[in-house]
Amino acid sequence: MIAIGFDLDMTLADTREGIAAAFDRLSAETGVPIDSAAVVSRLGPPLETELAHWFPAEDVPAVAARYREFYGEVAVPATVPMPGAAAAVDAVRARGGRVVVVTAKNQRDAEATVRFLGLNVDHVVGALYGAAKGRAIGEHRATVYTGDHVADVDAARAAGARSVGVATGPFDSEALLAYGADIVLPDLRVFPETLTELINPGSASRQ
């Protein structure tokens, strides 16, 4: 049985509005000015990495904990699926495959986001970023990992999986190809027609 891995934020889920709202609330609570537009322009790395742009290092753990306390209330309801997300997941399922979401988002909020969007996935693994995702991708025997960030290419490489870049996040198609993604798509709407090449490498030319 095939297994395909997906990143979450800006791959399957458009979390920009929700994350911006959560950072705006954090700013209001702490009195620290935060440019939420800048925050959502670079989604991908762990929350603590972003918070370090705005708070002293010693404050980051407590601020991150507070953010996660209200994320489900503020951000999840404002999340929408990325174009083609449901169809991409359904295309894998239609071939008898399994879908695994591996994300830097914490486990609780990752599961809540997937559930809210109604995505028919088999497993959700949270709190992993970059090459560290490779462990989960490998454990679930995913042969392909799809994401919008160059760190997702690292994740696929670490697992010995093929990497599919989608140019829906902070990196455009040229940047993802230059970094070494095996296949680059403009978005997930063309994922179903690319699935044959992903399952049987060599059946179609590189995009």
N, C-alpha and C. Protein backbone atom coordinates (compact mmCIF):
# COMPACT_ATOMS: atom_id res chain seq x y z
N MET A 1 0.84 -1.20 0.00
CA MET A 1 0.00 0.00 0.00
C MET A 1 0.88 1.25 0.00
N ILE A 2 0.56 2.18 -0.88
CA ILE A 2 1.34 3.41 -0.94
C ILE A 2 1.00 4.31 0.25
N ALA A 3 1.95 5.15 0.61
CA ALA A 3 1.72 6.15 1.65
C ALA A 3 2.35 7.45 1.18
N ILE A 4 1.61 8.53 1.29
CA ILE A 4 2.07 9.85 0.87
C ILE A 4 2.02 10.78 2.07
N GLY A 5 3.09 11.51 2.30
CA GLY A 5 3.14 12.47 3.39
C GLY A 5 2.90 13.89 2.92
N PHE A 6 2.27 14.67 3.78
CA PHE A 6 2.01 16.08 3.49
C PHE A 6 2.38 16.93 4.70
N ASP A 7 2.91 18.10 4.41
CA ASP A 7 3.02 19.16 5.41
C ASP A 7 1.62 19.73 5.63
N LEU A 8 1.46 20.58 6.66
CA LEU A 8 0.14 21.12 6.96
C LEU A 8 0.00 22.59 6.56
N ASP A 9 0.66 23.50 7.31
CA ASP A 9 0.49 24.93 7.05
C ASP A 9 0.98 25.31 5.65
N MET A 10 0.10 25.93 4.88
CA MET A 10 0.38 26.43 3.54
C MET A 10 0.63 25.31 2.52
N THR A 11 0.41 24.08 2.93
CA THR A 11 0.39 22.95 2.00
C THR A 11 -1.03 22.42 1.91
N LEU A 12 -1.54 21.90 3.03
CA LEU A 12 -2.94 21.48 3.09
C LEU A 12 -3.85 22.56 3.67
N ALA A 13 -3.32 23.36 4.57
CA ALA A 13 -4.15 24.31 5.31
C ALA A 13 -3.65 25.74 5.13
N ASP A 14 -4.56 26.63 4.77
CA ASP A 14 -4.24 28.06 4.72
C ASP A 14 -4.50 28.63 6.11
N THR A 15 -3.45 28.75 6.87
CA THR A 15 -3.55 29.16 8.27
C THR A 15 -3.20 30.63 8.48
N ARG A 16 -3.02 31.37 7.40
CA ARG A 16 -2.53 32.73 7.53
C ARG A 16 -3.45 33.63 8.35
N GLU A 17 -4.73 33.60 8.03
CA GLU A 17 -5.65 34.48 8.75
C GLU A 17 -5.70 34.11 10.24
N GLY A 18 -5.76 32.83 10.52
CA GLY A 18 -5.83 32.40 11.91
C GLY A 18 -4.57 32.70 12.69
N ILE A 19 -3.42 32.46 12.08
CA ILE A 19 -2.16 32.73 12.78
C ILE A 19 -1.98 34.23 12.98
N ALA A 20 -2.35 35.02 11.99
CA ALA A 20 -2.27 36.47 12.16
C ALA A 20 -3.15 36.91 13.32
N ALA A 21 -4.36 36.37 13.42
CA ALA A 21 -5.25 36.72 14.53
C ALA A 21 -4.66 36.31 15.87
N ALA A 22 -4.02 35.14 15.90
CA ALA A 22 -3.42 34.67 17.15
C ALA A 22 -2.24 35.56 17.56
N PHE A 23 -1.42 35.96 16.61
CA PHE A 23 -0.31 36.86 16.93
C PHE A 23 -0.81 38.24 17.32
N ASP A 24 -1.88 38.70 16.69
CA ASP A 24 -2.45 39.98 17.09
C ASP A 24 -2.95 39.93 18.53
N ARG A 25 -3.56 38.82 18.91
CA ARG A 25 -4.01 38.69 20.29
C ARG A 25 -2.82 38.63 21.24
N LEU A 26 -1.79 37.91 20.84
CA LEU A 26 -0.59 37.83 21.68
C LEU A 26 0.02 39.22 21.87
N SER A 27 0.05 40.00 20.80
CA SER A 27 0.56 41.36 20.88
C SER A 27 -0.27 42.20 21.85
N ALA A 28 -1.59 42.07 21.75
CA ALA A 28 -2.47 42.85 22.62
C ALA A 28 -2.29 42.45 24.08
N GLU A 29 -2.11 41.18 24.34
CA GLU A 29 -1.96 40.70 25.72
C GLU A 29 -0.63 41.10 26.33
N THR A 30 0.42 41.06 25.51
CA THR A 30 1.77 41.31 26.05
C THR A 30 2.21 42.75 25.92
N GLY A 31 1.56 43.51 25.05
CA GLY A 31 1.98 44.89 24.79
C GLY A 31 3.19 44.98 23.89
N VAL A 32 3.61 43.86 23.31
CA VAL A 32 4.77 43.83 22.40
C VAL A 32 4.27 43.99 20.97
N PRO A 33 4.74 45.01 20.24
CA PRO A 33 4.31 45.17 18.84
C PRO A 33 4.78 43.98 17.99
N ILE A 34 3.85 43.38 17.24
CA ILE A 34 4.17 42.26 16.36
C ILE A 34 3.55 42.53 15.00
N ASP A 35 4.35 42.42 13.96
CA ASP A 35 3.86 42.60 12.60
C ASP A 35 3.34 41.25 12.12
N SER A 36 2.03 41.02 12.26
CA SER A 36 1.48 39.71 11.93
C SER A 36 1.57 39.43 10.43
N ALA A 37 1.60 40.47 9.60
CA ALA A 37 1.77 40.25 8.17
C ALA A 37 3.14 39.66 7.88
N ALA A 38 4.15 40.12 8.59
CA ALA A 38 5.49 39.56 8.43
C ALA A 38 5.52 38.12 8.93
N VAL A 39 4.83 37.86 10.02
CA VAL A 39 4.78 36.51 10.57
C VAL A 39 4.26 35.53 9.55
N VAL A 40 3.12 35.85 8.92
CA VAL A 40 2.50 34.88 8.03
C VAL A 40 3.18 34.81 6.67
N SER A 41 4.12 35.71 6.42
CA SER A 41 4.87 35.64 5.16
C SER A 41 5.99 34.60 5.22
N ARG A 42 6.26 34.05 6.41
CA ARG A 42 7.38 33.11 6.56
C ARG A 42 6.98 31.89 7.38
N LEU A 43 5.77 31.43 7.21
CA LEU A 43 5.31 30.26 7.94
C LEU A 43 6.12 29.03 7.54
N GLY A 44 6.30 28.15 8.51
CA GLY A 44 7.05 26.92 8.26
C GLY A 44 7.82 26.48 9.48
N PRO A 45 8.76 27.31 9.95
CA PRO A 45 9.55 26.94 11.12
C PRO A 45 8.69 26.84 12.38
N PRO A 46 9.21 26.22 13.44
CA PRO A 46 8.46 26.10 14.69
C PRO A 46 8.06 27.46 15.26
N LEU A 47 7.01 27.47 16.05
CA LEU A 47 6.50 28.68 16.68
C LEU A 47 7.60 29.43 17.42
N GLU A 48 8.41 28.71 18.17
CA GLU A 48 9.44 29.36 18.97
C GLU A 48 10.43 30.15 18.13
N THR A 49 10.68 29.68 16.91
CA THR A 49 11.58 30.39 16.01
C THR A 49 11.01 31.76 15.65
N GLU A 50 9.72 31.80 15.36
CA GLU A 50 9.07 33.07 15.04
C GLU A 50 8.99 33.97 16.25
N LEU A 51 8.65 33.43 17.40
CA LEU A 51 8.53 34.26 18.61
C LEU A 51 9.85 34.92 18.97
N ALA A 52 10.97 34.27 18.62
CA ALA A 52 12.28 34.84 18.93
C ALA A 52 12.55 36.14 18.18
N HIS A 53 11.78 36.40 17.13
CA HIS A 53 11.91 37.69 16.42
C HIS A 53 11.33 38.84 17.25
N TRP A 54 10.46 38.52 18.20
CA TRP A 54 9.68 39.55 18.89
C TRP A 54 9.90 39.59 20.40
N PHE A 55 10.40 38.50 20.97
CA PHE A 55 10.54 38.42 22.44
C PHE A 55 11.95 37.99 22.82
N PRO A 56 12.43 38.41 23.98
CA PRO A 56 13.73 37.91 24.47
C PRO A 56 13.68 36.39 24.62
N ALA A 57 14.81 35.76 24.44
CA ALA A 57 14.87 34.30 24.47
C ALA A 57 14.29 33.71 25.74
N GLU A 58 14.53 34.40 26.86
CA GLU A 58 14.05 33.84 28.13
C GLU A 58 12.53 33.88 28.26
N ASP A 59 11.88 34.71 27.46
CA ASP A 59 10.42 34.82 27.52
C ASP A 59 9.70 33.89 26.55
N VAL A 60 10.44 33.35 25.59
CA VAL A 60 9.80 32.59 24.51
C VAL A 60 9.02 31.38 25.01
N PRO A 61 9.54 30.55 25.92
CA PRO A 61 8.76 29.37 26.34
C PRO A 61 7.40 29.73 26.94
N ALA A 62 7.37 30.75 27.79
CA ALA A 62 6.10 31.13 28.41
C ALA A 62 5.14 31.73 27.40
N VAL A 63 5.67 32.54 26.49
CA VAL A 63 4.81 33.15 25.47
C VAL A 63 4.27 32.08 24.52
N ALA A 64 5.12 31.11 24.18
CA ALA A 64 4.67 30.02 23.31
C ALA A 64 3.55 29.23 23.98
N ALA A 65 3.69 28.99 25.26
CA ALA A 65 2.65 28.25 25.99
C ALA A 65 1.34 29.02 25.98
N ARG A 66 1.41 30.32 26.19
CA ARG A 66 0.20 31.14 26.19
C ARG A 66 -0.45 31.13 24.80
N TYR A 67 0.35 31.27 23.76
CA TYR A 67 -0.16 31.25 22.37
C TYR A 67 -0.91 29.95 22.11
N ARG A 68 -0.34 28.84 22.55
CA ARG A 68 -0.97 27.55 22.30
C ARG A 68 -2.25 27.38 23.12
N GLU A 69 -2.35 28.09 24.22
CA GLU A 69 -3.57 28.01 25.03
C GLU A 69 -4.79 28.49 24.25
N PHE A 70 -4.61 29.55 23.45
CA PHE A 70 -5.78 30.11 22.75
C PHE A 70 -5.78 29.83 21.25
N TYR A 71 -4.77 29.15 20.73
CA TYR A 71 -4.70 28.93 19.29
C TYR A 71 -5.95 28.22 18.77
N GLY A 72 -6.37 27.18 19.47
CA GLY A 72 -7.53 26.43 19.00
C GLY A 72 -8.79 27.25 18.94
N GLU A 73 -8.92 28.19 19.84
CA GLU A 73 -10.10 29.06 19.89
C GLU A 73 -10.04 30.15 18.82
N VAL A 74 -8.85 30.71 18.62
CA VAL A 74 -8.71 31.88 17.74
C VAL A 74 -8.38 31.49 16.30
N ALA A 75 -7.42 30.60 16.13
CA ALA A 75 -6.86 30.36 14.80
C ALA A 75 -7.53 29.23 14.03
N VAL A 76 -7.85 28.14 14.69
CA VAL A 76 -8.40 27.00 13.95
C VAL A 76 -9.68 27.36 13.21
N PRO A 77 -10.64 28.08 13.83
CA PRO A 77 -11.87 28.40 13.11
C PRO A 77 -11.67 29.32 11.91
N ALA A 78 -10.52 30.01 11.85
CA ALA A 78 -10.23 30.91 10.73
C ALA A 78 -9.43 30.23 9.63
N THR A 79 -9.16 28.94 9.78
CA THR A 79 -8.35 28.19 8.82
C THR A 79 -9.23 27.65 7.70
N VAL A 80 -8.70 27.70 6.48
CA VAL A 80 -9.40 27.15 5.32
C VAL A 80 -8.46 26.20 4.58
N PRO A 81 -9.00 25.26 3.83
CA PRO A 81 -8.12 24.37 3.06
C PRO A 81 -7.43 25.11 1.93
N MET A 82 -6.21 24.72 1.64
CA MET A 82 -5.53 25.24 0.47
C MET A 82 -6.22 24.71 -0.78
N PRO A 83 -6.17 25.46 -1.90
CA PRO A 83 -6.79 24.98 -3.13
C PRO A 83 -6.28 23.59 -3.52
N GLY A 84 -7.20 22.68 -3.70
CA GLY A 84 -6.84 21.33 -4.11
C GLY A 84 -6.49 20.38 -2.99
N ALA A 85 -6.51 20.85 -1.74
CA ALA A 85 -6.06 20.00 -0.62
C ALA A 85 -6.92 18.75 -0.48
N ALA A 86 -8.22 18.92 -0.41
CA ALA A 86 -9.10 17.77 -0.21
C ALA A 86 -8.99 16.80 -1.38
N ALA A 87 -8.93 17.32 -2.60
CA ALA A 87 -8.83 16.46 -3.78
C ALA A 87 -7.51 15.70 -3.80
N ALA A 88 -6.43 16.33 -3.33
CA ALA A 88 -5.14 15.65 -3.28
C ALA A 88 -5.18 14.48 -2.31
N VAL A 89 -5.74 14.73 -1.15
CA VAL A 89 -5.87 13.65 -0.15
C VAL A 89 -6.77 12.55 -0.69
N ASP A 90 -7.89 12.92 -1.27
CA ASP A 90 -8.83 11.93 -1.77
C ASP A 90 -8.23 11.12 -2.92
N ALA A 91 -7.36 11.74 -3.72
CA ALA A 91 -6.72 11.02 -4.83
C ALA A 91 -5.85 9.89 -4.31
N VAL A 92 -5.14 10.15 -3.21
CA VAL A 92 -4.31 9.10 -2.61
C VAL A 92 -5.20 7.99 -2.07
N ARG A 93 -6.26 8.37 -1.38
CA ARG A 93 -7.17 7.37 -0.79
C ARG A 93 -7.85 6.54 -1.88
N ALA A 94 -8.16 7.19 -3.00
CA ALA A 94 -8.84 6.49 -4.09
C ALA A 94 -7.97 5.38 -4.68
N ARG A 95 -6.66 5.50 -4.52
CA ARG A 95 -5.73 4.49 -5.01
C ARG A 95 -5.40 3.47 -3.92
N GLY A 96 -6.15 3.53 -2.83
CA GLY A 96 -5.90 2.60 -1.74
C GLY A 96 -4.73 2.99 -0.87
N GLY A 97 -4.28 4.24 -0.99
CA GLY A 97 -3.12 4.70 -0.25
C GLY A 97 -3.45 5.30 1.10
N ARG A 98 -2.42 5.49 1.90
CA ARG A 98 -2.54 6.13 3.21
C ARG A 98 -1.99 7.55 3.12
N VAL A 99 -2.55 8.45 3.92
CA VAL A 99 -2.13 9.84 3.96
C VAL A 99 -1.62 10.15 5.36
N VAL A 100 -0.40 10.68 5.42
CA VAL A 100 0.23 11.02 6.69
C VAL A 100 0.57 12.50 6.69
N VAL A 101 0.11 13.23 7.68
CA VAL A 101 0.46 14.64 7.84
C VAL A 101 1.57 14.74 8.86
N VAL A 102 2.68 15.37 8.48
CA VAL A 102 3.81 15.58 9.39
C VAL A 102 4.11 17.07 9.39
N THR A 103 4.03 17.70 10.55
CA THR A 103 4.05 19.16 10.64
C THR A 103 4.81 19.66 11.86
N ALA A 104 5.26 20.90 11.78
CA ALA A 104 5.91 21.53 12.92
C ALA A 104 4.89 21.99 13.96
N LYS A 105 3.64 22.09 13.57
CA LYS A 105 2.61 22.50 14.52
C LYS A 105 2.47 21.45 15.62
N ASN A 106 2.19 21.90 16.84
CA ASN A 106 2.06 20.96 17.94
C ASN A 106 0.94 19.95 17.68
N GLN A 107 1.06 18.80 18.32
CA GLN A 107 0.17 17.68 18.01
C GLN A 107 -1.31 18.03 18.17
N ARG A 108 -1.66 18.66 19.28
CA ARG A 108 -3.07 18.95 19.54
C ARG A 108 -3.66 19.87 18.47
N ASP A 109 -2.96 20.95 18.15
CA ASP A 109 -3.49 21.90 17.17
C ASP A 109 -3.42 21.36 15.76
N ALA A 110 -2.43 20.52 15.48
CA ALA A 110 -2.38 19.89 14.16
C ALA A 110 -3.59 18.98 13.96
N GLU A 111 -3.88 18.17 14.96
CA GLU A 111 -5.04 17.28 14.86
C GLU A 111 -6.33 18.08 14.76
N ALA A 112 -6.43 19.16 15.55
CA ALA A 112 -7.64 19.99 15.51
C ALA A 112 -7.82 20.65 14.15
N THR A 113 -6.73 21.07 13.53
CA THR A 113 -6.81 21.71 12.22
C THR A 113 -7.27 20.72 11.16
N VAL A 114 -6.67 19.54 11.15
CA VAL A 114 -7.05 18.52 10.18
C VAL A 114 -8.52 18.13 10.37
N ARG A 115 -8.91 17.99 11.63
CA ARG A 115 -10.31 17.62 11.92
C ARG A 115 -11.27 18.73 11.48
N PHE A 116 -10.92 19.98 11.75
CA PHE A 116 -11.77 21.10 11.38
C PHE A 116 -11.97 21.18 9.87
N LEU A 117 -10.89 20.91 9.13
CA LEU A 117 -10.96 20.97 7.67
C LEU A 117 -11.63 19.74 7.06
N GLY A 118 -11.83 18.70 7.86
CA GLY A 118 -12.47 17.49 7.35
C GLY A 118 -11.61 16.70 6.40
N LEU A 119 -10.29 16.78 6.55
CA LEU A 119 -9.39 16.06 5.66
C LEU A 119 -9.30 14.59 6.08
N ASN A 120 -9.44 13.69 5.14
CA ASN A 120 -9.51 12.26 5.40
C ASN A 120 -8.10 11.66 5.44
N VAL A 121 -7.37 11.92 6.52
CA VAL A 121 -6.00 11.44 6.64
C VAL A 121 -5.94 10.29 7.64
N ASP A 122 -4.87 9.50 7.53
CA ASP A 122 -4.71 8.34 8.41
C ASP A 122 -3.96 8.66 9.69
N HIS A 123 -2.93 9.50 9.57
CA HIS A 123 -2.11 9.80 10.74
C HIS A 123 -1.71 11.27 10.71
N VAL A 124 -1.58 11.86 11.89
CA VAL A 124 -1.06 13.22 12.05
C VAL A 124 0.08 13.15 13.05
N VAL A 125 1.23 13.68 12.66
CA VAL A 125 2.39 13.72 13.55
C VAL A 125 2.83 15.18 13.65
N GLY A 126 2.83 15.70 14.86
CA GLY A 126 3.17 17.11 15.06
C GLY A 126 4.52 17.32 15.72
N ALA A 127 4.89 18.60 15.82
CA ALA A 127 6.08 19.05 16.54
C ALA A 127 7.39 18.56 15.93
N LEU A 128 7.42 18.41 14.59
CA LEU A 128 8.65 18.05 13.90
C LEU A 128 8.90 19.03 12.77
N TYR A 129 10.18 19.36 12.55
CA TYR A 129 10.53 20.35 11.53
C TYR A 129 11.76 19.91 10.77
N GLY A 130 11.78 20.20 9.47
CA GLY A 130 12.97 19.94 8.67
C GLY A 130 13.32 18.46 8.65
N ALA A 131 14.61 18.17 8.71
CA ALA A 131 15.07 16.79 8.64
C ALA A 131 14.51 15.92 9.75
N ALA A 132 14.13 16.53 10.87
CA ALA A 132 13.54 15.76 11.97
C ALA A 132 12.23 15.10 11.56
N LYS A 133 11.56 15.66 10.55
CA LYS A 133 10.33 15.03 10.06
C LYS A 133 10.62 13.68 9.41
N GLY A 134 11.86 13.49 8.98
CA GLY A 134 12.21 12.27 8.26
C GLY A 134 11.92 11.01 9.05
N ARG A 135 12.07 11.09 10.37
CA ARG A 135 11.81 9.92 11.21
C ARG A 135 10.36 9.47 11.07
N ALA A 136 9.43 10.42 11.19
CA ALA A 136 8.01 10.07 11.10
C ALA A 136 7.63 9.64 9.69
N ILE A 137 8.18 10.33 8.69
CA ILE A 137 7.90 9.95 7.31
C ILE A 137 8.34 8.51 7.06
N GLY A 138 9.53 8.17 7.56
CA GLY A 138 10.04 6.81 7.40
C GLY A 138 9.25 5.80 8.19
N GLU A 139 8.87 6.13 9.42
CA GLU A 139 8.13 5.18 10.25
C GLU A 139 6.79 4.82 9.63
N HIS A 140 6.19 5.79 8.93
CA HIS A 140 4.90 5.53 8.29
C HIS A 140 5.06 5.06 6.84
N ARG A 141 6.32 4.81 6.45
CA ARG A 141 6.65 4.24 5.14
C ARG A 141 6.12 5.08 3.98
N ALA A 142 6.14 6.38 4.15
CA ALA A 142 5.74 7.27 3.06
C ALA A 142 6.88 7.37 2.06
N THR A 143 6.56 7.19 0.80
CA THR A 143 7.59 7.24 -0.24
C THR A 143 7.68 8.62 -0.89
N VAL A 144 6.72 9.50 -0.54
CA VAL A 144 6.67 10.86 -1.07
C VAL A 144 6.31 11.78 0.09
N TYR A 145 6.97 12.95 0.15
CA TYR A 145 6.58 13.97 1.13
C TYR A 145 6.39 15.29 0.39
N THR A 146 5.25 15.92 0.63
CA THR A 146 4.84 17.12 -0.10
C THR A 146 4.77 18.30 0.85
N GLY A 147 5.45 19.40 0.49
CA GLY A 147 5.42 20.59 1.34
C GLY A 147 5.79 21.84 0.58
N ASP A 148 5.58 22.97 1.24
CA ASP A 148 5.77 24.26 0.59
C ASP A 148 7.09 24.93 0.94
N HIS A 149 7.88 24.32 1.80
CA HIS A 149 9.09 24.95 2.35
C HIS A 149 10.32 24.15 1.95
N VAL A 150 11.47 24.81 1.84
CA VAL A 150 12.71 24.07 1.56
C VAL A 150 13.01 23.07 2.67
N ALA A 151 12.58 23.37 3.89
CA ALA A 151 12.78 22.43 4.98
C ALA A 151 12.01 21.13 4.75
N ASP A 152 10.96 21.19 3.94
CA ASP A 152 10.22 19.98 3.61
C ASP A 152 10.99 19.12 2.61
N VAL A 153 11.81 19.75 1.80
CA VAL A 153 12.72 18.98 0.94
C VAL A 153 13.73 18.24 1.82
N ASP A 154 14.24 18.92 2.84
CA ASP A 154 15.15 18.27 3.79
C ASP A 154 14.46 17.08 4.46
N ALA A 155 13.18 17.26 4.79
CA ALA A 155 12.42 16.19 5.44
C ALA A 155 12.34 14.96 4.56
N ALA A 156 12.02 15.18 3.28
CA ALA A 156 11.92 14.06 2.35
C ALA A 156 13.27 13.36 2.19
N ARG A 157 14.33 14.16 2.04
CA ARG A 157 15.66 13.58 1.88
C ARG A 157 16.04 12.72 3.08
N ALA A 158 15.72 13.21 4.28
CA ALA A 158 16.07 12.49 5.50
C ALA A 158 15.38 11.13 5.58
N ALA A 159 14.21 11.03 4.92
CA ALA A 159 13.46 9.78 4.94
C ALA A 159 13.74 8.91 3.72
N GLY A 160 14.54 9.43 2.79
CA GLY A 160 14.76 8.70 1.55
C GLY A 160 13.53 8.68 0.67
N ALA A 161 12.68 9.71 0.81
CA ALA A 161 11.44 9.80 0.04
C ALA A 161 11.60 10.83 -1.08
N ARG A 162 10.71 10.77 -2.05
CA ARG A 162 10.70 11.80 -3.09
C ARG A 162 10.08 13.06 -2.51
N SER A 163 10.59 14.19 -2.94
CA SER A 163 10.08 15.47 -2.43
C SER A 163 9.25 16.16 -3.51
N VAL A 164 8.06 16.59 -3.10
CA VAL A 164 7.20 17.38 -3.98
C VAL A 164 7.05 18.75 -3.34
N GLY A 165 7.50 19.77 -4.05
CA GLY A 165 7.34 21.14 -3.56
C GLY A 165 6.09 21.76 -4.16
N VAL A 166 5.33 22.45 -3.34
CA VAL A 166 4.19 23.22 -3.84
C VAL A 166 4.47 24.69 -3.56
N ALA A 167 4.36 25.50 -4.60
CA ALA A 167 4.77 26.91 -4.51
C ALA A 167 3.65 27.77 -3.94
N THR A 168 3.15 27.38 -2.77
CA THR A 168 2.05 28.09 -2.13
C THR A 168 2.46 28.74 -0.81
N GLY A 169 3.74 28.61 -0.48
CA GLY A 169 4.25 29.19 0.76
C GLY A 169 5.28 30.26 0.49
N PRO A 170 6.32 30.33 1.33
CA PRO A 170 7.31 31.40 1.19
C PRO A 170 8.31 31.22 0.06
N PHE A 171 8.30 30.06 -0.61
CA PHE A 171 9.27 29.80 -1.68
C PHE A 171 8.54 29.56 -2.99
N ASP A 172 9.02 30.23 -4.05
CA ASP A 172 8.39 30.03 -5.36
C ASP A 172 8.94 28.77 -6.02
N SER A 173 8.40 28.45 -7.19
CA SER A 173 8.79 27.22 -7.89
C SER A 173 10.28 27.17 -8.18
N GLU A 174 10.83 28.29 -8.62
CA GLU A 174 12.26 28.33 -8.95
C GLU A 174 13.11 28.02 -7.73
N ALA A 175 12.76 28.59 -6.59
CA ALA A 175 13.53 28.36 -5.37
C ALA A 175 13.44 26.91 -4.92
N LEU A 176 12.25 26.32 -5.01
CA LEU A 176 12.09 24.93 -4.60
C LEU A 176 12.87 23.99 -5.52
N LEU A 177 12.83 24.26 -6.83
CA LEU A 177 13.61 23.44 -7.76
C LEU A 177 15.11 23.59 -7.51
N ALA A 178 15.54 24.82 -7.29
CA ALA A 178 16.96 25.08 -7.05
C ALA A 178 17.45 24.38 -5.80
N TYR A 179 16.54 24.25 -4.82
CA TYR A 179 16.93 23.59 -3.57
C TYR A 179 16.99 22.08 -3.72
N GLY A 180 16.35 21.56 -4.76
CA GLY A 180 16.45 20.14 -5.03
C GLY A 180 15.18 19.34 -4.94
N ALA A 181 14.01 20.00 -4.89
CA ALA A 181 12.76 19.24 -4.90
C ALA A 181 12.68 18.40 -6.17
N ASP A 182 12.20 17.17 -6.04
CA ASP A 182 12.13 16.27 -7.19
C ASP A 182 11.09 16.73 -8.20
N ILE A 183 9.96 17.18 -7.69
CA ILE A 183 8.87 17.69 -8.52
C ILE A 183 8.35 18.95 -7.86
N VAL A 184 8.03 19.96 -8.65
CA VAL A 184 7.45 21.19 -8.11
C VAL A 184 6.12 21.47 -8.81
N LEU A 185 5.10 21.74 -8.02
CA LEU A 185 3.77 22.03 -8.52
C LEU A 185 3.37 23.44 -8.11
N PRO A 186 2.56 24.12 -8.93
CA PRO A 186 2.12 25.46 -8.55
C PRO A 186 1.22 25.43 -7.32
N ASP A 187 0.43 24.38 -7.18
CA ASP A 187 -0.42 24.18 -6.00
C ASP A 187 -0.95 22.75 -6.07
N LEU A 188 -1.75 22.37 -5.08
CA LEU A 188 -2.22 20.99 -5.01
C LEU A 188 -3.32 20.65 -6.01
N ARG A 189 -3.83 21.63 -6.72
CA ARG A 189 -4.89 21.32 -7.68
C ARG A 189 -4.41 20.41 -8.78
N VAL A 190 -3.11 20.39 -9.05
CA VAL A 190 -2.58 19.50 -10.08
C VAL A 190 -1.96 18.24 -9.48
N PHE A 191 -2.09 18.07 -8.17
CA PHE A 191 -1.50 16.90 -7.52
C PHE A 191 -2.10 15.59 -8.02
N PRO A 192 -3.43 15.46 -8.13
CA PRO A 192 -3.98 14.17 -8.56
C PRO A 192 -3.42 13.68 -9.90
N GLU A 193 -3.23 14.58 -10.86
CA GLU A 193 -2.73 14.15 -12.17
C GLU A 193 -1.24 13.84 -12.13
N THR A 194 -0.57 14.22 -11.05
CA THR A 194 0.86 13.94 -10.90
C THR A 194 1.10 12.67 -10.11
N LEU A 195 0.03 12.11 -9.54
CA LEU A 195 0.19 10.99 -8.62
C LEU A 195 0.78 9.76 -9.29
N THR A 196 0.44 9.51 -10.54
CA THR A 196 1.00 8.34 -11.23
C THR A 196 2.51 8.41 -11.30
N GLU A 197 3.03 9.59 -11.60
CA GLU A 197 4.49 9.77 -11.66
C GLU A 197 5.11 9.61 -10.28
N LEU A 198 4.41 10.03 -9.25
CA LEU A 198 4.94 9.91 -7.89
C LEU A 198 5.01 8.45 -7.46
N ILE A 199 3.99 7.69 -7.84
CA ILE A 199 3.94 6.28 -7.44
C ILE A 199 4.88 5.44 -8.30
N ASN A 200 5.00 5.81 -9.58
CA ASN A 200 5.84 5.07 -10.53
C ASN A 200 6.83 6.03 -11.18
N PRO A 201 7.92 6.34 -10.48
CA PRO A 201 8.89 7.30 -11.03
C PRO A 201 9.36 6.89 -12.42
N GLY A 202 9.43 7.91 -13.29
CA GLY A 202 9.87 7.64 -14.65
C GLY A 202 8.72 7.50 -15.62
N SER A 203 7.48 7.42 -15.08
CA SER A 203 6.34 7.29 -15.99
C SER A 203 5.97 8.59 -16.66
N ALA A 204 6.54 9.70 -16.13
CA ALA A 204 6.32 11.01 -16.74
C ALA A 204 7.58 11.82 -16.55
N SER A 205 7.78 12.82 -17.33
CA SER A 205 8.97 13.65 -17.22
C SER A 205 8.88 14.55 -16.02
N ARG A 206 10.02 14.95 -15.53
CA ARG A 206 10.07 15.87 -14.38
C ARG A 206 9.37 17.18 -14.73
N GLN A 207 8.61 17.66 -13.75
CA GLN A 207 7.86 18.90 -13.98
C GLN A 207 8.81 20.08 -14.08
